[in-house]
Amino acid sequence: MQKIIFTVLVSFFMLLSCSSDDDGSEGNNNISNCDDTILISKILFDTAPSDQLFINNLEIIGNCLTINFSSGGCDGNSWEVKLIDSEAILESNPPQRNLRLSLKNEELCLAFITKELSFDISSLRMIGSPVQLNITNSDDTILY
């Protein structure tokens, strides 16, 4: 019993002593400062909820695509938001990918709410080439 307790304590202290060198560099691919990750699915791209939203701004910082968007509602706390890639890579120069911001919004209030979320898009990276990201439910595109 004492050996088990000792092993647990040693493991716990080793875990506490390990630290992440998260300095914003891209050296560690397992750590993301984004709010969520992108989903890559043709089926979800076609079938996920598409309640009305307005994309105000797009920005890429590192591997995070930050989307500022607005929709009607009470406070936006019950919104279900997903960024979905269609799986298709359009062969052009630069290559293009189609993304859709999916919103499921069941709030019945008349307020106009603005939110900002970031998504890890590192899985969309193209080797040796930038990729143009087309946001299909807006007129916006952004180069990654």
C-alpha atoms as a PDB file:
ATOM      1  CA  MET A   1       0.000   0.000   0.000  1.00  0.00           C
ATOM      2  CA  GLN A   2       2.866   2.369   0.836  1.00  0.00           C
ATOM      3  CA  LYS A   3       4.435   1.693  -2.569  1.00  0.00           C
ATOM      4  CA  ILE A   4       1.207   2.657  -4.312  1.00  0.00           C
ATOM      5  CA  ILE A   5       0.894   5.889  -2.344  1.00  0.00           C
ATOM      6  CA  PHE A   6       4.570   6.685  -2.981  1.00  0.00           C
ATOM      7  CA  THR A   7       4.159   6.028  -6.726  1.00  0.00           C
ATOM      8  CA  VAL A   8       1.063   8.230  -6.895  1.00  0.00           C
ATOM      9  CA  LEU A   9       2.800  11.056  -5.013  1.00  0.00           C
ATOM     10  CA  VAL A  10       5.923  10.871  -7.198  1.00  0.00           C
ATOM     11  CA  SER A  11       3.779  10.891 -10.344  1.00  0.00           C
ATOM     12  CA  PHE A  12       1.792  13.858  -9.040  1.00  0.00           C
ATOM     13  CA  PHE A  13       4.921  15.893  -8.270  1.00  0.00           C
ATOM     14  CA  MET A  14       6.453  15.021 -11.634  1.00  0.00           C
ATOM     15  CA  LEU A  15       3.285  16.221 -13.318  1.00  0.00           C
ATOM     16  CA  LEU A  16       3.408  19.481 -11.378  1.00  0.00           C
ATOM     17  CA  SER A  17       7.058  20.038 -12.185  1.00  0.00           C
ATOM     18  CA  CYS A  18       6.541  19.636 -15.921  1.00  0.00           C
ATOM     19  CA  SER A  19       5.853  22.931 -17.557  1.00  0.00           C
ATOM     20  CA  SER A  20       4.849  23.980 -21.017  1.00  0.00           C
ATOM     21  CA  ASP A  21       7.101  26.358 -22.901  1.00  0.00           C
ATOM     22  CA  ASP A  22       4.100  27.873 -24.656  1.00  0.00           C
ATOM     23  CA  ASP A  23       5.681  31.041 -25.925  1.00  0.00           C
ATOM     24  CA  GLY A  24       3.457  31.258 -28.971  1.00  0.00           C
ATOM     25  CA  SER A  25       5.943  29.452 -31.177  1.00  0.00           C
ATOM     26  CA  GLU A  26       4.826  26.702 -33.466  1.00  0.00           C
ATOM     27  CA  GLY A  27       7.273  24.164 -32.026  1.00  0.00           C
ATOM     28  CA  ASN A  28       4.628  22.228 -30.086  1.00  0.00           C
ATOM     29  CA  ASN A  29       1.710  21.229 -32.286  1.00  0.00           C
ATOM     30  CA  ASN A  30      -0.286  19.773 -29.389  1.00  0.00           C
ATOM     31  CA  ILE A  31      -0.905  23.114 -27.720  1.00  0.00           C
ATOM     32  CA  SER A  32      -3.389  25.506 -29.228  1.00  0.00           C
ATOM     33  CA  ASN A  33      -4.535  28.848 -27.925  1.00  0.00           C
ATOM     34  CA  CYS A  34      -7.625  28.682 -30.129  1.00  0.00           C
ATOM     35  CA  ASP A  35     -11.125  28.331 -28.691  1.00  0.00           C
ATOM     36  CA  ASP A  36     -12.018  25.311 -30.850  1.00  0.00           C
ATOM     37  CA  THR A  37     -10.838  23.224 -33.802  1.00  0.00           C
ATOM     38  CA  ILE A  38     -12.150  23.114 -37.331  1.00  0.00           C
ATOM     39  CA  LEU A  39     -14.221  20.117 -38.426  1.00  0.00           C
ATOM     40  CA  ILE A  40     -13.423  18.586 -41.807  1.00  0.00           C
ATOM     41  CA  SER A  41     -16.522  16.828 -43.127  1.00  0.00           C
ATOM     42  CA  LYS A  42     -18.434  17.065 -46.407  1.00  0.00           C
ATOM     43  CA  ILE A  43     -21.557  15.718 -44.672  1.00  0.00           C
ATOM     44  CA  LEU A  44     -21.434  18.294 -41.847  1.00  0.00           C
ATOM     45  CA  PHE A  45     -20.581  21.047 -44.332  1.00  0.00           C
ATOM     46  CA  ASP A  46     -23.818  20.229 -46.182  1.00  0.00           C
ATOM     47  CA  THR A  47     -26.095  19.431 -43.222  1.00  0.00           C
ATOM     48  CA  ALA A  48     -24.992  21.384 -40.123  1.00  0.00           C
ATOM     49  CA  PRO A  49     -27.374  24.079 -38.830  1.00  0.00           C
ATOM     50  CA  SER A  50     -27.288  27.324 -40.768  1.00  0.00           C
ATOM     51  CA  ASP A  51     -29.123  29.896 -38.676  1.00  0.00           C
ATOM     52  CA  GLN A  52     -28.591  33.458 -39.823  1.00  0.00           C
ATOM     53  CA  LEU A  53     -25.363  35.165 -38.839  1.00  0.00           C
ATOM     54  CA  PHE A  54     -23.255  38.038 -40.082  1.00  0.00           C
ATOM     55  CA  ILE A  55     -19.474  37.713 -40.261  1.00  0.00           C
ATOM     56  CA  ASN A  56     -17.916  41.027 -39.277  1.00  0.00           C
ATOM     57  CA  ASN A  57     -14.205  40.225 -39.410  1.00  0.00           C
ATOM     58  CA  LEU A  58     -11.697  37.421 -40.075  1.00  0.00           C
ATOM     59  CA  GLU A  59      -8.129  37.334 -38.801  1.00  0.00           C
ATOM     60  CA  ILE A  60      -5.437  34.665 -38.739  1.00  0.00           C
ATOM     61  CA  ILE A  61      -2.867  34.722 -35.963  1.00  0.00           C
ATOM     62  CA  GLY A  62      -0.526  31.729 -36.034  1.00  0.00           C
ATOM     63  CA  ASN A  63      -2.739  28.701 -36.641  1.00  0.00           C
ATOM     64  CA  CYS A  64      -5.910  30.325 -35.262  1.00  0.00           C
ATOM     65  CA  LEU A  65      -8.616  31.771 -37.482  1.00  0.00           C
ATOM     66  CA  THR A  66     -10.506  34.320 -35.408  1.00  0.00           C
ATOM     67  CA  ILE A  67     -14.047  35.059 -36.573  1.00  0.00           C
ATOM     68  CA  ASN A  68     -16.043  38.004 -35.244  1.00  0.00           C
ATOM     69  CA  PHE A  69     -19.729  37.443 -36.005  1.00  0.00           C
ATOM     70  CA  SER A  70     -23.180  38.607 -34.972  1.00  0.00           C
ATOM     71  CA  SER A  71     -26.673  37.169 -34.793  1.00  0.00           C
ATOM     72  CA  GLY A  72     -29.978  37.837 -33.092  1.00  0.00           C
ATOM     73  CA  GLY A  73     -30.635  36.341 -29.675  1.00  0.00           C
ATOM     74  CA  CYS A  74     -30.735  36.897 -25.929  1.00  0.00           C
ATOM     75  CA  ASP A  75     -27.092  36.606 -24.905  1.00  0.00           C
ATOM     76  CA  GLY A  76     -25.580  33.988 -27.240  1.00  0.00           C
ATOM     77  CA  ASN A  77     -24.709  31.622 -24.394  1.00  0.00           C
ATOM     78  CA  SER A  78     -26.749  28.761 -25.862  1.00  0.00           C
ATOM     79  CA  TRP A  79     -25.428  29.130 -29.409  1.00  0.00           C
ATOM     80  CA  GLU A  80     -23.753  26.127 -30.972  1.00  0.00           C
ATOM     81  CA  VAL A  81     -21.060  27.318 -33.376  1.00  0.00           C
ATOM     82  CA  LYS A  82     -18.850  25.156 -35.578  1.00  0.00           C
ATOM     83  CA  LEU A  83     -16.398  25.955 -38.335  1.00  0.00           C
ATOM     84  CA  ILE A  84     -16.610  23.250 -41.000  1.00  0.00           C
ATOM     85  CA  ASP A  85     -14.375  22.538 -44.003  1.00  0.00           C
ATOM     86  CA  SER A  86     -15.956  20.876 -47.061  1.00  0.00           C
ATOM     87  CA  GLU A  87     -13.027  18.420 -47.498  1.00  0.00           C
ATOM     88  CA  ALA A  88     -12.529  19.644 -51.078  1.00  0.00           C
ATOM     89  CA  ILE A  89      -9.307  21.339 -52.149  1.00  0.00           C
ATOM     90  CA  LEU A  90      -9.849  23.496 -55.216  1.00  0.00           C
ATOM     91  CA  GLU A  91      -6.836  23.299 -57.499  1.00  0.00           C
ATOM     92  CA  SER A  92      -5.961  26.887 -58.274  1.00  0.00           C
ATOM     93  CA  ASN A  93      -3.124  29.229 -57.489  1.00  0.00           C
ATOM     94  CA  PRO A  94      -3.241  29.475 -54.537  1.00  0.00           C
ATOM     95  CA  PRO A  95      -5.260  26.339 -53.681  1.00  0.00           C
ATOM     96  CA  GLN A  96      -8.642  27.085 -52.102  1.00  0.00           C
ATOM     97  CA  ARG A  97     -10.751  25.463 -49.395  1.00  0.00           C
ATOM     98  CA  ASN A  98     -14.399  26.199 -48.649  1.00  0.00           C
ATOM     99  CA  LEU A  99     -15.383  26.739 -45.015  1.00  0.00           C
ATOM    100  CA  ARG A 100     -18.745  27.403 -43.426  1.00  0.00           C
ATOM    101  CA  LEU A 101     -19.472  28.887 -40.025  1.00  0.00           C
ATOM    102  CA  SER A 102     -22.416  26.888 -38.708  1.00  0.00           C
ATOM    103  CA  LEU A 103     -24.714  28.420 -36.106  1.00  0.00           C
ATOM    104  CA  LYS A 104     -27.519  26.716 -34.217  1.00  0.00           C
ATOM    105  CA  ASN A 105     -29.418  29.535 -32.531  1.00  0.00           C
ATOM    106  CA  GLU A 106     -32.667  28.814 -30.688  1.00  0.00           C
ATOM    107  CA  GLU A 107     -32.739  32.089 -28.747  1.00  0.00           C
ATOM    108  CA  LEU A 108     -35.932  34.069 -29.368  1.00  0.00           C
ATOM    109  CA  CYS A 109     -34.871  37.499 -28.079  1.00  0.00           C
ATOM    110  CA  LEU A 110     -34.474  40.549 -30.302  1.00  0.00           C
ATOM    111  CA  ALA A 111     -31.023  41.654 -29.149  1.00  0.00           C
ATOM    112  CA  PHE A 112     -28.178  41.705 -31.686  1.00  0.00           C
ATOM    113  CA  ILE A 113     -25.243  39.826 -30.146  1.00  0.00           C
ATOM    114  CA  THR A 114     -21.634  39.919 -31.352  1.00  0.00           C
ATOM    115  CA  LYS A 115     -19.154  37.179 -30.481  1.00  0.00           C
ATOM    116  CA  GLU A 116     -15.609  36.332 -31.410  1.00  0.00           C
ATOM    117  CA  LEU A 117     -14.281  32.766 -31.555  1.00  0.00           C
ATOM    118  CA  SER A 118     -11.014  31.314 -32.799  1.00  0.00           C
ATOM    119  CA  PHE A 119     -10.521  27.969 -34.501  1.00  0.00           C
ATOM    120  CA  ASP A 120      -7.352  25.911 -34.920  1.00  0.00           C
ATOM    121  CA  ILE A 121      -6.950  25.584 -38.689  1.00  0.00           C
ATOM    122  CA  SER A 122      -3.518  23.914 -38.716  1.00  0.00           C
ATOM    123  CA  SER A 123      -5.073  20.812 -40.327  1.00  0.00           C
ATOM    124  CA  LEU A 124      -5.793  22.949 -43.437  1.00  0.00           C
ATOM    125  CA  ARG A 125      -2.134  23.848 -43.991  1.00  0.00           C
ATOM    126  CA  MET A 126      -0.771  23.118 -47.455  1.00  0.00           C
ATOM    127  CA  ILE A 127       2.871  22.090 -47.806  1.00  0.00           C
ATOM    128  CA  GLY A 128       4.823  24.695 -49.750  1.00  0.00           C
ATOM    129  CA  SER A 129       1.849  26.890 -50.596  1.00  0.00           C
ATOM    130  CA  PRO A 130      -0.530  29.286 -48.912  1.00  0.00           C
ATOM    131  CA  VAL A 131      -4.194  28.344 -49.096  1.00  0.00           C
ATOM    132  CA  GLN A 132      -7.129  30.678 -49.684  1.00  0.00           C
ATOM    133  CA  LEU A 133      -9.972  30.041 -47.244  1.00  0.00           C
ATOM    134  CA  ASN A 134     -13.393  30.900 -48.662  1.00  0.00           C
ATOM    135  CA  ILE A 135     -16.083  31.454 -46.048  1.00  0.00           C
ATOM    136  CA  THR A 136     -19.121  30.346 -48.042  1.00  0.00           C
ATOM    137  CA  ASN A 137     -21.816  31.957 -45.885  1.00  0.00           C
ATOM    138  CA  SER A 138     -20.209  35.364 -46.297  1.00  0.00           C
ATOM    139  CA  ASP A 139     -18.339  37.227 -49.012  1.00  0.00           C
ATOM    140  CA  ASP A 140     -15.083  36.906 -47.083  1.00  0.00           C
ATOM    141  CA  THR A 141     -11.894  35.082 -48.003  1.00  0.00           C
ATOM    142  CA  ILE A 142      -8.583  35.014 -46.168  1.00  0.00           C
ATOM    143  CA  LEU A 143      -5.133  33.710 -47.100  1.00  0.00           C
ATOM    144  CA  TYR A 144      -3.540  31.199 -44.720  1.00  0.00           C
END
